[in-house]
N, C-alpha and C. Protein backbone atom coordinates (compact mmCIF):
# COMPACT_ATOMS: atom_id res chain seq x y z
N MET A 1 38.31 15.00 -11.16
CA MET A 1 37.55 16.26 -11.24
C MET A 1 36.42 16.09 -12.25
N ASN A 2 35.21 16.54 -11.91
CA ASN A 2 34.07 16.40 -12.79
C ASN A 2 34.11 17.43 -13.90
N THR A 3 33.88 17.00 -15.11
CA THR A 3 33.79 17.89 -16.25
C THR A 3 32.34 18.27 -16.48
N PRO A 4 32.07 19.37 -17.23
CA PRO A 4 30.68 19.72 -17.53
C PRO A 4 29.92 18.60 -18.22
N ASP A 5 30.61 17.85 -19.12
CA ASP A 5 29.95 16.75 -19.80
C ASP A 5 29.50 15.68 -18.81
N THR A 6 30.37 15.36 -17.85
CA THR A 6 30.02 14.37 -16.84
C THR A 6 28.82 14.85 -16.02
N PHE A 7 28.84 16.12 -15.64
CA PHE A 7 27.73 16.66 -14.85
C PHE A 7 26.43 16.59 -15.64
N ASN A 8 26.48 16.99 -16.92
CA ASN A 8 25.28 16.97 -17.75
C ASN A 8 24.74 15.55 -17.91
N THR A 9 25.63 14.58 -18.08
CA THR A 9 25.21 13.20 -18.22
C THR A 9 24.53 12.72 -16.94
N LEU A 10 25.14 12.98 -15.80
CA LEU A 10 24.55 12.57 -14.53
C LEU A 10 23.22 13.27 -14.31
N SER A 11 23.16 14.56 -14.61
CA SER A 11 21.93 15.30 -14.45
C SER A 11 20.81 14.72 -15.31
N PHE A 12 21.14 14.38 -16.55
CA PHE A 12 20.17 13.79 -17.46
C PHE A 12 19.67 12.45 -16.93
N ARG A 13 20.57 11.63 -16.47
CA ARG A 13 20.19 10.32 -15.95
C ARG A 13 19.33 10.45 -14.69
N LEU A 14 19.68 11.37 -13.83
CA LEU A 14 18.91 11.56 -12.61
C LEU A 14 17.50 12.06 -12.93
N ARG A 15 17.36 12.89 -13.95
CA ARG A 15 16.03 13.36 -14.34
C ARG A 15 15.18 12.20 -14.88
N GLN A 16 15.82 11.34 -15.68
CA GLN A 16 15.07 10.20 -16.20
C GLN A 16 14.61 9.30 -15.06
N MET A 17 15.47 9.11 -14.05
CA MET A 17 15.09 8.28 -12.90
C MET A 17 13.98 8.94 -12.10
N LEU A 18 14.05 10.26 -11.95
CA LEU A 18 13.01 10.98 -11.22
C LEU A 18 11.66 10.85 -11.93
N PHE A 19 11.64 11.07 -13.25
CA PHE A 19 10.39 11.00 -13.99
C PHE A 19 9.85 9.57 -14.05
N GLY A 20 10.74 8.60 -14.15
CA GLY A 20 10.31 7.21 -14.23
C GLY A 20 9.92 6.63 -12.89
N TRP A 21 10.86 6.58 -11.97
CA TRP A 21 10.62 5.98 -10.66
C TRP A 21 9.68 6.83 -9.82
N GLY A 22 9.83 8.16 -9.95
CA GLY A 22 8.92 9.04 -9.23
C GLY A 22 7.48 8.88 -9.70
N GLY A 23 7.30 8.69 -11.01
CA GLY A 23 5.96 8.46 -11.54
C GLY A 23 5.35 7.19 -10.98
N VAL A 24 6.17 6.17 -10.81
CA VAL A 24 5.69 4.91 -10.21
C VAL A 24 5.18 5.17 -8.80
N GLY A 25 5.94 5.94 -8.03
CA GLY A 25 5.55 6.21 -6.65
C GLY A 25 4.22 6.95 -6.57
N ILE A 26 4.01 7.89 -7.48
CA ILE A 26 2.76 8.65 -7.49
C ILE A 26 1.58 7.73 -7.78
N VAL A 27 1.70 6.91 -8.84
CA VAL A 27 0.61 6.01 -9.22
C VAL A 27 0.36 4.99 -8.11
N TYR A 28 1.41 4.43 -7.56
CA TYR A 28 1.28 3.40 -6.53
C TYR A 28 0.54 3.94 -5.31
N ASN A 29 0.92 5.13 -4.87
CA ASN A 29 0.30 5.68 -3.65
C ASN A 29 -1.12 6.17 -3.90
N LEU A 30 -1.37 6.78 -5.06
CA LEU A 30 -2.72 7.24 -5.35
C LEU A 30 -3.69 6.07 -5.51
N SER A 31 -3.24 5.01 -6.18
CA SER A 31 -4.13 3.86 -6.35
C SER A 31 -4.41 3.20 -5.00
N ASP A 32 -3.41 3.17 -4.14
CA ASP A 32 -3.62 2.60 -2.80
C ASP A 32 -4.60 3.44 -1.99
N ARG A 33 -4.54 4.74 -2.19
CA ARG A 33 -5.39 5.65 -1.41
C ARG A 33 -6.86 5.59 -1.84
N PHE A 34 -7.12 5.44 -3.13
CA PHE A 34 -8.47 5.60 -3.64
C PHE A 34 -9.15 4.30 -4.06
N GLN A 35 -8.47 3.17 -3.97
CA GLN A 35 -9.10 1.90 -4.35
C GLN A 35 -10.00 1.39 -3.23
N GLY A 36 -10.84 0.44 -3.58
CA GLY A 36 -11.72 -0.16 -2.59
C GLY A 36 -11.01 -1.27 -1.82
N PRO A 37 -11.74 -1.96 -0.93
CA PRO A 37 -11.16 -3.08 -0.18
C PRO A 37 -10.67 -4.17 -1.13
N GLY A 38 -9.52 -4.75 -0.81
CA GLY A 38 -8.92 -5.73 -1.69
C GLY A 38 -9.49 -7.13 -1.53
N GLN A 39 -9.57 -7.85 -2.63
CA GLN A 39 -9.93 -9.27 -2.57
C GLN A 39 -8.73 -10.07 -2.09
N VAL A 40 -8.95 -10.93 -1.12
CA VAL A 40 -7.86 -11.73 -0.55
C VAL A 40 -7.47 -12.84 -1.53
N LEU A 41 -6.18 -12.88 -1.88
CA LEU A 41 -5.65 -13.92 -2.76
C LEU A 41 -5.19 -15.11 -1.92
N ASP A 42 -5.50 -16.30 -2.37
CA ASP A 42 -5.09 -17.51 -1.65
C ASP A 42 -3.71 -17.98 -2.11
N PRO A 43 -2.85 -18.37 -1.17
CA PRO A 43 -1.53 -18.89 -1.56
C PRO A 43 -1.65 -20.13 -2.43
N GLY A 44 -0.74 -20.25 -3.38
CA GLY A 44 -0.69 -21.43 -4.23
C GLY A 44 0.31 -22.44 -3.72
N PHE A 45 0.54 -23.47 -4.51
CA PHE A 45 1.44 -24.55 -4.11
C PHE A 45 2.85 -24.03 -3.87
N ILE A 46 3.36 -23.21 -4.76
CA ILE A 46 4.72 -22.68 -4.61
C ILE A 46 4.82 -21.81 -3.37
N ASP A 47 3.82 -20.99 -3.13
CA ASP A 47 3.84 -20.10 -1.97
C ASP A 47 3.92 -20.89 -0.66
N ARG A 48 3.20 -22.00 -0.61
CA ARG A 48 3.18 -22.80 0.62
C ARG A 48 4.50 -23.55 0.84
N LEU A 49 5.26 -23.74 -0.22
CA LEU A 49 6.54 -24.44 -0.09
C LEU A 49 7.65 -23.56 0.51
N ILE A 50 7.51 -22.26 0.39
CA ILE A 50 8.58 -21.34 0.78
C ILE A 50 8.33 -20.82 2.20
N PRO A 51 9.23 -21.10 3.13
CA PRO A 51 9.02 -20.67 4.52
C PRO A 51 9.24 -19.16 4.68
N TYR A 52 8.50 -18.58 5.58
CA TYR A 52 8.66 -17.15 5.89
C TYR A 52 9.98 -16.92 6.61
N SER A 53 10.67 -15.82 6.27
CA SER A 53 11.90 -15.44 6.96
C SER A 53 12.07 -13.93 6.91
N PRO A 54 12.17 -13.27 8.09
CA PRO A 54 12.39 -11.82 8.09
C PRO A 54 13.75 -11.43 7.53
N HIS A 55 14.70 -12.37 7.51
CA HIS A 55 16.04 -12.07 7.00
C HIS A 55 16.04 -11.84 5.48
N ALA A 56 14.95 -12.22 4.83
CA ALA A 56 14.84 -11.97 3.39
C ALA A 56 14.68 -10.49 3.09
N VAL A 57 14.53 -9.66 4.13
CA VAL A 57 14.40 -8.23 3.90
C VAL A 57 15.65 -7.65 3.24
N TRP A 58 16.81 -8.28 3.45
CA TRP A 58 18.06 -7.74 2.89
C TRP A 58 18.11 -7.87 1.37
N PRO A 59 17.92 -9.07 0.80
CA PRO A 59 17.85 -9.12 -0.67
C PRO A 59 16.65 -8.37 -1.22
N TYR A 60 15.56 -8.33 -0.46
CA TYR A 60 14.38 -7.58 -0.89
C TYR A 60 14.75 -6.11 -1.11
N LEU A 61 15.50 -5.54 -0.19
CA LEU A 61 15.86 -4.13 -0.28
C LEU A 61 16.92 -3.85 -1.35
N SER A 62 17.57 -4.90 -1.85
CA SER A 62 18.54 -4.67 -2.93
C SER A 62 17.85 -4.17 -4.19
N PHE A 63 16.51 -4.29 -4.24
CA PHE A 63 15.72 -3.66 -5.29
C PHE A 63 16.05 -2.18 -5.39
N PHE A 64 16.30 -1.54 -4.24
CA PHE A 64 16.58 -0.11 -4.22
C PHE A 64 18.02 0.20 -4.64
N LEU A 65 18.76 -0.83 -4.99
CA LEU A 65 20.09 -0.66 -5.60
C LEU A 65 20.04 -0.90 -7.11
N ILE A 66 19.28 -1.91 -7.52
CA ILE A 66 19.29 -2.28 -8.93
C ILE A 66 18.59 -1.22 -9.79
N ILE A 67 17.61 -0.52 -9.23
CA ILE A 67 16.92 0.52 -10.01
C ILE A 67 17.85 1.71 -10.29
N PRO A 68 18.49 2.32 -9.27
CA PRO A 68 19.45 3.39 -9.58
C PRO A 68 20.60 2.90 -10.47
N LEU A 69 21.05 1.67 -10.26
CA LEU A 69 22.13 1.13 -11.09
C LEU A 69 21.73 1.14 -12.56
N ALA A 70 20.49 0.76 -12.84
CA ALA A 70 20.01 0.73 -14.22
C ALA A 70 20.00 2.14 -14.82
N PHE A 71 19.43 3.09 -14.10
CA PHE A 71 19.33 4.44 -14.65
C PHE A 71 20.69 5.12 -14.77
N LEU A 72 21.61 4.83 -13.87
CA LEU A 72 22.89 5.54 -13.86
C LEU A 72 23.95 4.89 -14.74
N THR A 73 23.77 3.62 -15.12
CA THR A 73 24.84 2.95 -15.87
C THR A 73 24.40 2.30 -17.17
N CYS A 74 23.11 2.21 -17.46
CA CYS A 74 22.70 1.56 -18.70
C CYS A 74 23.12 2.42 -19.89
N PRO A 75 23.21 1.83 -21.09
CA PRO A 75 23.53 2.62 -22.29
C PRO A 75 22.57 3.79 -22.44
N ALA A 76 23.10 4.93 -22.85
CA ALA A 76 22.30 6.16 -22.90
C ALA A 76 21.09 6.03 -23.79
N GLU A 77 21.20 5.24 -24.87
CA GLU A 77 20.07 5.11 -25.79
C GLU A 77 18.91 4.33 -25.20
N ARG A 78 19.12 3.72 -24.04
CA ARG A 78 18.04 2.97 -23.38
C ARG A 78 17.32 3.79 -22.31
N LEU A 79 17.83 4.96 -22.01
CA LEU A 79 17.30 5.70 -20.87
C LEU A 79 15.85 6.11 -21.06
N ARG A 80 15.50 6.60 -22.26
CA ARG A 80 14.14 7.08 -22.45
C ARG A 80 13.13 5.93 -22.43
N TRP A 81 13.49 4.79 -23.04
CA TRP A 81 12.52 3.69 -22.98
C TRP A 81 12.46 3.09 -21.58
N LEU A 82 13.57 3.17 -20.83
CA LEU A 82 13.53 2.70 -19.45
C LEU A 82 12.61 3.59 -18.62
N ARG A 83 12.77 4.90 -18.75
CA ARG A 83 11.88 5.83 -18.05
C ARG A 83 10.42 5.60 -18.44
N SER A 84 10.18 5.52 -19.75
CA SER A 84 8.81 5.33 -20.23
C SER A 84 8.27 3.97 -19.81
N GLY A 85 9.14 2.95 -19.78
CA GLY A 85 8.73 1.62 -19.34
C GLY A 85 8.24 1.64 -17.90
N PHE A 86 8.93 2.39 -17.05
CA PHE A 86 8.48 2.53 -15.66
C PHE A 86 7.10 3.17 -15.61
N GLN A 87 6.91 4.21 -16.42
CA GLN A 87 5.63 4.92 -16.41
C GLN A 87 4.50 4.05 -16.95
N VAL A 88 4.76 3.34 -18.05
CA VAL A 88 3.74 2.47 -18.62
C VAL A 88 3.38 1.33 -17.66
N ALA A 89 4.40 0.72 -17.06
CA ALA A 89 4.15 -0.36 -16.10
C ALA A 89 3.32 0.15 -14.92
N ALA A 90 3.65 1.35 -14.44
CA ALA A 90 2.91 1.91 -13.31
C ALA A 90 1.46 2.18 -13.67
N LEU A 91 1.22 2.75 -14.85
CA LEU A 91 -0.15 3.05 -15.26
C LEU A 91 -0.96 1.77 -15.47
N ALA A 92 -0.33 0.76 -16.09
CA ALA A 92 -1.03 -0.51 -16.30
C ALA A 92 -1.35 -1.18 -14.97
N ALA A 93 -0.35 -1.25 -14.08
CA ALA A 93 -0.59 -1.87 -12.77
C ALA A 93 -1.60 -1.06 -11.96
N GLY A 94 -1.49 0.28 -12.02
CA GLY A 94 -2.41 1.13 -11.28
C GLY A 94 -3.85 0.94 -11.73
N THR A 95 -4.04 0.70 -13.02
CA THR A 95 -5.39 0.44 -13.53
C THR A 95 -5.95 -0.85 -12.93
N VAL A 96 -5.11 -1.89 -12.88
CA VAL A 96 -5.54 -3.15 -12.26
C VAL A 96 -5.80 -2.96 -10.78
N PHE A 97 -4.92 -2.20 -10.11
CA PHE A 97 -5.11 -1.97 -8.68
C PHE A 97 -6.46 -1.30 -8.39
N MET A 98 -6.87 -0.40 -9.27
CA MET A 98 -8.13 0.30 -9.06
C MET A 98 -9.34 -0.57 -9.40
N LEU A 99 -9.23 -1.31 -10.50
CA LEU A 99 -10.37 -2.11 -10.96
C LEU A 99 -10.51 -3.41 -10.18
N TRP A 100 -9.37 -3.98 -9.75
CA TRP A 100 -9.41 -5.25 -9.03
C TRP A 100 -8.36 -5.22 -7.91
N PRO A 101 -8.65 -4.47 -6.85
CA PRO A 101 -7.70 -4.40 -5.73
C PRO A 101 -7.55 -5.77 -5.06
N THR A 102 -6.34 -6.09 -4.68
CA THR A 102 -6.06 -7.39 -4.06
C THR A 102 -5.21 -7.22 -2.81
N THR A 103 -5.34 -8.17 -1.91
CA THR A 103 -4.55 -8.17 -0.69
C THR A 103 -4.26 -9.62 -0.30
N LEU A 104 -3.53 -9.80 0.79
CA LEU A 104 -3.16 -11.13 1.27
C LEU A 104 -3.49 -11.24 2.76
N VAL A 105 -3.49 -12.47 3.24
CA VAL A 105 -3.50 -12.71 4.68
C VAL A 105 -2.03 -12.74 5.09
N TYR A 106 -1.59 -11.67 5.75
CA TYR A 106 -0.17 -11.53 6.07
C TYR A 106 0.18 -12.24 7.38
N PRO A 107 1.40 -12.74 7.49
CA PRO A 107 1.82 -13.37 8.75
C PRO A 107 2.05 -12.34 9.84
N ASP A 108 2.28 -12.82 11.03
CA ASP A 108 2.64 -11.95 12.15
C ASP A 108 4.09 -11.55 11.97
N TYR A 109 4.32 -10.28 11.65
CA TYR A 109 5.68 -9.82 11.35
C TYR A 109 6.46 -9.43 12.60
N ALA A 110 5.84 -9.52 13.78
CA ALA A 110 6.52 -9.11 15.01
C ALA A 110 7.72 -10.02 15.27
N GLY A 111 8.80 -9.42 15.71
CA GLY A 111 9.99 -10.21 16.03
C GLY A 111 11.11 -9.30 16.50
N ALA A 112 12.15 -9.91 17.02
CA ALA A 112 13.31 -9.17 17.52
C ALA A 112 14.44 -9.25 16.50
N GLY A 113 15.38 -8.35 16.63
CA GLY A 113 16.55 -8.37 15.76
C GLY A 113 16.48 -7.29 14.69
N LEU A 114 17.63 -7.05 14.06
CA LEU A 114 17.75 -5.98 13.08
C LEU A 114 16.87 -6.22 11.86
N SER A 115 16.81 -7.47 11.39
CA SER A 115 16.00 -7.78 10.21
C SER A 115 14.53 -7.47 10.45
N SER A 116 14.02 -7.88 11.62
CA SER A 116 12.62 -7.63 11.95
C SER A 116 12.35 -6.14 12.13
N THR A 117 13.29 -5.43 12.71
CA THR A 117 13.13 -3.98 12.88
C THR A 117 13.09 -3.27 11.55
N LEU A 118 13.98 -3.68 10.65
CA LEU A 118 14.01 -3.08 9.32
C LEU A 118 12.73 -3.40 8.55
N LEU A 119 12.25 -4.64 8.69
CA LEU A 119 11.03 -5.04 8.02
C LEU A 119 9.84 -4.25 8.55
N ALA A 120 9.80 -4.01 9.86
CA ALA A 120 8.72 -3.23 10.45
C ALA A 120 8.69 -1.81 9.87
N GLY A 121 9.87 -1.22 9.68
CA GLY A 121 9.94 0.10 9.08
C GLY A 121 9.45 0.09 7.64
N LEU A 122 9.78 -0.97 6.91
CA LEU A 122 9.32 -1.10 5.53
C LEU A 122 7.80 -1.22 5.47
N LEU A 123 7.24 -2.04 6.35
CA LEU A 123 5.79 -2.26 6.34
C LEU A 123 5.02 -1.00 6.70
N ALA A 124 5.66 -0.11 7.46
CA ALA A 124 4.99 1.12 7.87
C ALA A 124 4.70 2.04 6.69
N VAL A 125 5.46 1.89 5.61
CA VAL A 125 5.28 2.78 4.45
C VAL A 125 4.76 2.03 3.23
N ASP A 126 4.66 0.70 3.30
CA ASP A 126 4.22 -0.08 2.15
C ASP A 126 2.71 -0.28 2.19
N SER A 127 2.14 -0.63 1.06
CA SER A 127 0.70 -0.87 0.96
C SER A 127 0.38 -2.31 1.36
N ALA A 128 -0.76 -2.49 2.00
CA ALA A 128 -1.23 -3.84 2.31
C ALA A 128 -2.01 -4.41 1.14
N GLN A 129 -2.20 -3.59 0.10
CA GLN A 129 -2.92 -4.05 -1.09
C GLN A 129 -1.95 -3.93 -2.29
N ASN A 130 -2.44 -3.62 -3.49
CA ASN A 130 -1.58 -3.50 -4.67
C ASN A 130 -0.73 -4.75 -4.88
N CYS A 131 -1.34 -5.91 -4.75
CA CYS A 131 -0.58 -7.16 -4.84
C CYS A 131 -0.39 -7.64 -6.29
N PHE A 132 -1.48 -7.64 -7.07
CA PHE A 132 -1.44 -8.19 -8.43
C PHE A 132 -1.65 -7.07 -9.44
N PRO A 133 -0.68 -6.88 -10.36
CA PRO A 133 0.61 -7.55 -10.50
C PRO A 133 1.66 -6.89 -9.60
N SER A 134 2.78 -7.57 -9.42
CA SER A 134 3.85 -7.04 -8.57
C SER A 134 4.66 -5.99 -9.33
N LEU A 135 4.49 -4.72 -8.93
CA LEU A 135 5.32 -3.66 -9.53
C LEU A 135 6.78 -3.83 -9.16
N HIS A 136 7.02 -4.40 -8.00
CA HIS A 136 8.39 -4.69 -7.55
C HIS A 136 9.12 -5.52 -8.61
N MET A 137 8.45 -6.56 -9.10
CA MET A 137 9.08 -7.43 -10.09
C MET A 137 9.06 -6.81 -11.49
N ALA A 138 8.03 -6.05 -11.80
CA ALA A 138 7.97 -5.40 -13.11
C ALA A 138 9.14 -4.43 -13.27
N LEU A 139 9.41 -3.64 -12.24
CA LEU A 139 10.49 -2.67 -12.31
C LEU A 139 11.86 -3.35 -12.28
N THR A 140 11.96 -4.43 -11.50
CA THR A 140 13.22 -5.21 -11.49
C THR A 140 13.50 -5.76 -12.88
N THR A 141 12.48 -6.27 -13.54
CA THR A 141 12.63 -6.82 -14.90
C THR A 141 13.07 -5.74 -15.87
N LEU A 142 12.46 -4.57 -15.80
CA LEU A 142 12.84 -3.46 -16.67
C LEU A 142 14.29 -3.05 -16.43
N ALA A 143 14.70 -3.00 -15.18
CA ALA A 143 16.08 -2.63 -14.86
C ALA A 143 17.07 -3.63 -15.45
N ILE A 144 16.77 -4.92 -15.31
CA ILE A 144 17.66 -5.95 -15.84
C ILE A 144 17.73 -5.87 -17.36
N LEU A 145 16.61 -5.66 -18.02
CA LEU A 145 16.61 -5.55 -19.48
C LEU A 145 17.42 -4.35 -19.94
N ALA A 146 17.37 -3.26 -19.18
CA ALA A 146 18.14 -2.07 -19.54
C ALA A 146 19.65 -2.28 -19.36
N LEU A 147 20.02 -3.11 -18.40
CA LEU A 147 21.43 -3.37 -18.11
C LEU A 147 22.01 -4.52 -18.93
N ASP A 148 21.15 -5.30 -19.54
CA ASP A 148 21.59 -6.51 -20.23
C ASP A 148 22.52 -6.20 -21.40
N ASP A 149 23.57 -6.98 -21.52
CA ASP A 149 24.51 -6.87 -22.64
C ASP A 149 24.72 -8.28 -23.19
N PRO A 150 24.17 -8.57 -24.38
CA PRO A 150 24.27 -9.93 -24.93
C PRO A 150 25.70 -10.38 -25.19
N ARG A 151 26.63 -9.43 -25.23
CA ARG A 151 28.04 -9.78 -25.45
C ARG A 151 28.72 -10.23 -24.16
N ARG A 152 28.01 -10.11 -23.04
CA ARG A 152 28.58 -10.48 -21.74
C ARG A 152 27.63 -11.44 -21.04
N PRO A 153 27.71 -12.72 -21.40
CA PRO A 153 26.76 -13.70 -20.86
C PRO A 153 26.84 -13.86 -19.34
N LEU A 154 28.04 -13.72 -18.77
CA LEU A 154 28.15 -13.86 -17.32
C LEU A 154 27.42 -12.72 -16.62
N ARG A 155 27.55 -11.52 -17.15
CA ARG A 155 26.82 -10.37 -16.60
C ARG A 155 25.32 -10.60 -16.67
N LYS A 156 24.86 -11.12 -17.80
CA LYS A 156 23.44 -11.41 -17.99
C LYS A 156 22.96 -12.42 -16.95
N LEU A 157 23.75 -13.47 -16.75
CA LEU A 157 23.39 -14.51 -15.78
C LEU A 157 23.32 -13.93 -14.37
N LEU A 158 24.30 -13.10 -14.01
CA LEU A 158 24.32 -12.52 -12.67
C LEU A 158 23.15 -11.56 -12.45
N LEU A 159 22.81 -10.81 -13.48
CA LEU A 159 21.68 -9.89 -13.35
C LEU A 159 20.37 -10.64 -13.11
N TRP A 160 20.16 -11.70 -13.90
CA TRP A 160 18.92 -12.47 -13.73
C TRP A 160 18.92 -13.25 -12.42
N ALA A 161 20.11 -13.66 -11.96
CA ALA A 161 20.20 -14.31 -10.65
C ALA A 161 19.84 -13.31 -9.55
N TRP A 162 20.28 -12.08 -9.70
CA TRP A 162 19.93 -11.02 -8.75
C TRP A 162 18.41 -10.81 -8.75
N GLY A 163 17.84 -10.74 -9.95
CA GLY A 163 16.39 -10.57 -10.05
C GLY A 163 15.63 -11.73 -9.41
N ALA A 164 16.13 -12.95 -9.62
CA ALA A 164 15.49 -14.13 -9.03
C ALA A 164 15.59 -14.09 -7.51
N LEU A 165 16.73 -13.61 -7.00
CA LEU A 165 16.91 -13.49 -5.55
C LEU A 165 15.92 -12.48 -4.96
N ILE A 166 15.73 -11.37 -5.65
CA ILE A 166 14.76 -10.38 -5.20
C ILE A 166 13.36 -11.01 -5.20
N GLY A 167 13.03 -11.72 -6.27
CA GLY A 167 11.72 -12.38 -6.34
C GLY A 167 11.52 -13.39 -5.23
N PHE A 168 12.55 -14.19 -4.96
CA PHE A 168 12.43 -15.19 -3.90
C PHE A 168 12.26 -14.52 -2.54
N SER A 169 12.96 -13.41 -2.34
CA SER A 169 12.83 -12.71 -1.06
C SER A 169 11.42 -12.15 -0.87
N ILE A 170 10.79 -11.73 -1.96
CA ILE A 170 9.41 -11.24 -1.88
C ILE A 170 8.48 -12.34 -1.39
N LEU A 171 8.69 -13.55 -1.91
CA LEU A 171 7.87 -14.68 -1.48
C LEU A 171 8.17 -15.06 -0.03
N GLN A 172 9.45 -15.00 0.35
CA GLN A 172 9.81 -15.33 1.73
C GLN A 172 9.19 -14.35 2.74
N LEU A 173 9.09 -13.09 2.33
CA LEU A 173 8.52 -12.08 3.22
C LEU A 173 7.00 -12.06 3.18
N ARG A 174 6.41 -12.85 2.28
CA ARG A 174 4.95 -12.90 2.12
C ARG A 174 4.37 -11.54 1.71
N ARG A 175 5.14 -10.78 0.91
CA ARG A 175 4.63 -9.51 0.41
C ARG A 175 3.81 -9.69 -0.86
N HIS A 176 4.08 -10.79 -1.57
CA HIS A 176 3.36 -11.13 -2.79
C HIS A 176 3.27 -12.64 -2.89
N LEU A 177 2.40 -13.10 -3.78
CA LEU A 177 2.33 -14.51 -4.13
C LEU A 177 3.04 -14.74 -5.46
N ALA A 178 3.27 -16.01 -5.77
CA ALA A 178 3.98 -16.34 -7.00
C ALA A 178 3.25 -15.80 -8.23
N ILE A 179 1.92 -15.83 -8.22
CA ILE A 179 1.16 -15.34 -9.37
C ILE A 179 1.38 -13.84 -9.56
N ASP A 180 1.58 -13.11 -8.47
CA ASP A 180 1.87 -11.67 -8.56
C ASP A 180 3.23 -11.44 -9.23
N LEU A 181 4.20 -12.29 -8.86
CA LEU A 181 5.54 -12.15 -9.43
C LEU A 181 5.55 -12.47 -10.92
N VAL A 182 4.88 -13.56 -11.29
CA VAL A 182 4.84 -13.94 -12.71
C VAL A 182 4.18 -12.84 -13.53
N SER A 183 3.08 -12.30 -13.04
CA SER A 183 2.40 -11.22 -13.76
C SER A 183 3.26 -9.96 -13.79
N GLY A 184 4.03 -9.72 -12.74
CA GLY A 184 4.92 -8.56 -12.72
C GLY A 184 6.04 -8.68 -13.75
N VAL A 185 6.64 -9.85 -13.85
CA VAL A 185 7.68 -10.07 -14.86
C VAL A 185 7.10 -9.89 -16.27
N ALA A 186 5.91 -10.45 -16.49
CA ALA A 186 5.25 -10.30 -17.80
C ALA A 186 4.98 -8.83 -18.10
N LEU A 187 4.55 -8.08 -17.10
CA LEU A 187 4.30 -6.65 -17.28
C LEU A 187 5.59 -5.92 -17.63
N GLY A 188 6.69 -6.28 -16.97
CA GLY A 188 7.97 -5.66 -17.26
C GLY A 188 8.41 -5.89 -18.70
N PHE A 189 8.30 -7.13 -19.17
CA PHE A 189 8.66 -7.44 -20.56
C PHE A 189 7.75 -6.70 -21.53
N ALA A 190 6.45 -6.66 -21.24
CA ALA A 190 5.50 -5.99 -22.14
C ALA A 190 5.77 -4.50 -22.21
N ALA A 191 6.04 -3.87 -21.07
CA ALA A 191 6.32 -2.44 -21.05
C ALA A 191 7.62 -2.13 -21.80
N ALA A 192 8.63 -2.98 -21.63
CA ALA A 192 9.90 -2.78 -22.34
C ALA A 192 9.69 -2.91 -23.85
N TRP A 193 8.96 -3.93 -24.27
CA TRP A 193 8.71 -4.14 -25.70
C TRP A 193 7.96 -2.96 -26.31
N LEU A 194 6.92 -2.52 -25.62
CA LEU A 194 6.11 -1.43 -26.13
C LEU A 194 6.92 -0.14 -26.24
N CYS A 195 7.68 0.18 -25.21
CA CYS A 195 8.42 1.44 -25.21
C CYS A 195 9.62 1.41 -26.16
N ARG A 196 10.22 0.25 -26.35
CA ARG A 196 11.28 0.13 -27.34
C ARG A 196 10.74 0.43 -28.73
N ARG A 197 9.57 -0.13 -29.05
CA ARG A 197 8.97 0.10 -30.36
C ARG A 197 8.52 1.56 -30.51
N TRP A 198 7.96 2.09 -29.46
CA TRP A 198 7.46 3.45 -29.46
C TRP A 198 8.59 4.46 -29.66
N LEU A 199 9.73 4.21 -29.01
CA LEU A 199 10.84 5.16 -29.05
C LEU A 199 11.95 4.75 -30.00
N ALA A 200 11.70 3.73 -30.82
CA ALA A 200 12.73 3.23 -31.74
C ALA A 200 13.30 4.30 -32.65
N PRO A 201 12.48 5.23 -33.21
CA PRO A 201 13.05 6.23 -34.10
C PRO A 201 13.89 7.28 -33.39
N THR A 202 13.79 7.34 -32.07
CA THR A 202 14.47 8.39 -31.31
C THR A 202 15.92 8.00 -31.08
N THR A 203 16.82 8.90 -31.41
CA THR A 203 18.24 8.71 -31.14
C THR A 203 18.62 9.53 -29.93
N VAL A 204 19.17 8.87 -28.93
CA VAL A 204 19.55 9.57 -27.70
C VAL A 204 21.05 9.58 -27.59
N THR A 205 21.61 10.74 -27.36
CA THR A 205 23.04 10.85 -27.20
C THR A 205 23.36 11.05 -25.72
N GLN A 206 24.55 10.68 -25.34
CA GLN A 206 24.97 10.77 -23.94
C GLN A 206 24.89 12.22 -23.48
N GLY A 207 24.13 12.47 -22.42
CA GLY A 207 24.05 13.80 -21.88
C GLY A 207 23.04 14.68 -22.60
N ALA A 208 22.22 14.10 -23.51
CA ALA A 208 21.27 14.93 -24.23
C ALA A 208 20.17 15.40 -23.31
N PRO A 209 19.57 16.56 -23.60
CA PRO A 209 18.47 17.04 -22.76
C PRO A 209 17.25 16.20 -22.94
N SER A 210 16.38 16.13 -21.94
CA SER A 210 15.16 15.34 -22.02
C SER A 210 14.09 16.09 -22.77
């Protein structure tokens, strides 16, 4: 049976996720709508080594599990910097998207099977631009940092392995290039560092109001 404290804690966490992840969605879509034509980025050596596979859509979509997992289970004192980290990363990436829009030469995504059908649905709502830096990887990095527990090295290893799998799936699907992923990870670390310092004096208690 849910207690009022449990409800308040869940409500608080859901609000932080709404303000953080929802803010990312607003910036991402507005920048895509109002930016100019994107400069085509050329694949690098690493990109050419990795073969395209529509089946990579499954680990790619696990991104939509790791983000809620971070907001719903990370230590309560990390929630505000996690929310703010999402917002800072979105604003920084959105600025780059507007000033230097980028795109790719995408492969022919047509194909049969469940993976291809799911990928087609994803492409229908995703941007063909907003490549550099990868917000997908920036947010994944922030989620992993929020979930990280230095006292549990196996958990840390599994989280980063999950993040690496998501990154590899992005390259397999040709949604980003390796340079986009590296810049996205760097953005995630920078946003986490900045927001941790910014919110360091703030003490957050479990279930506290925002």
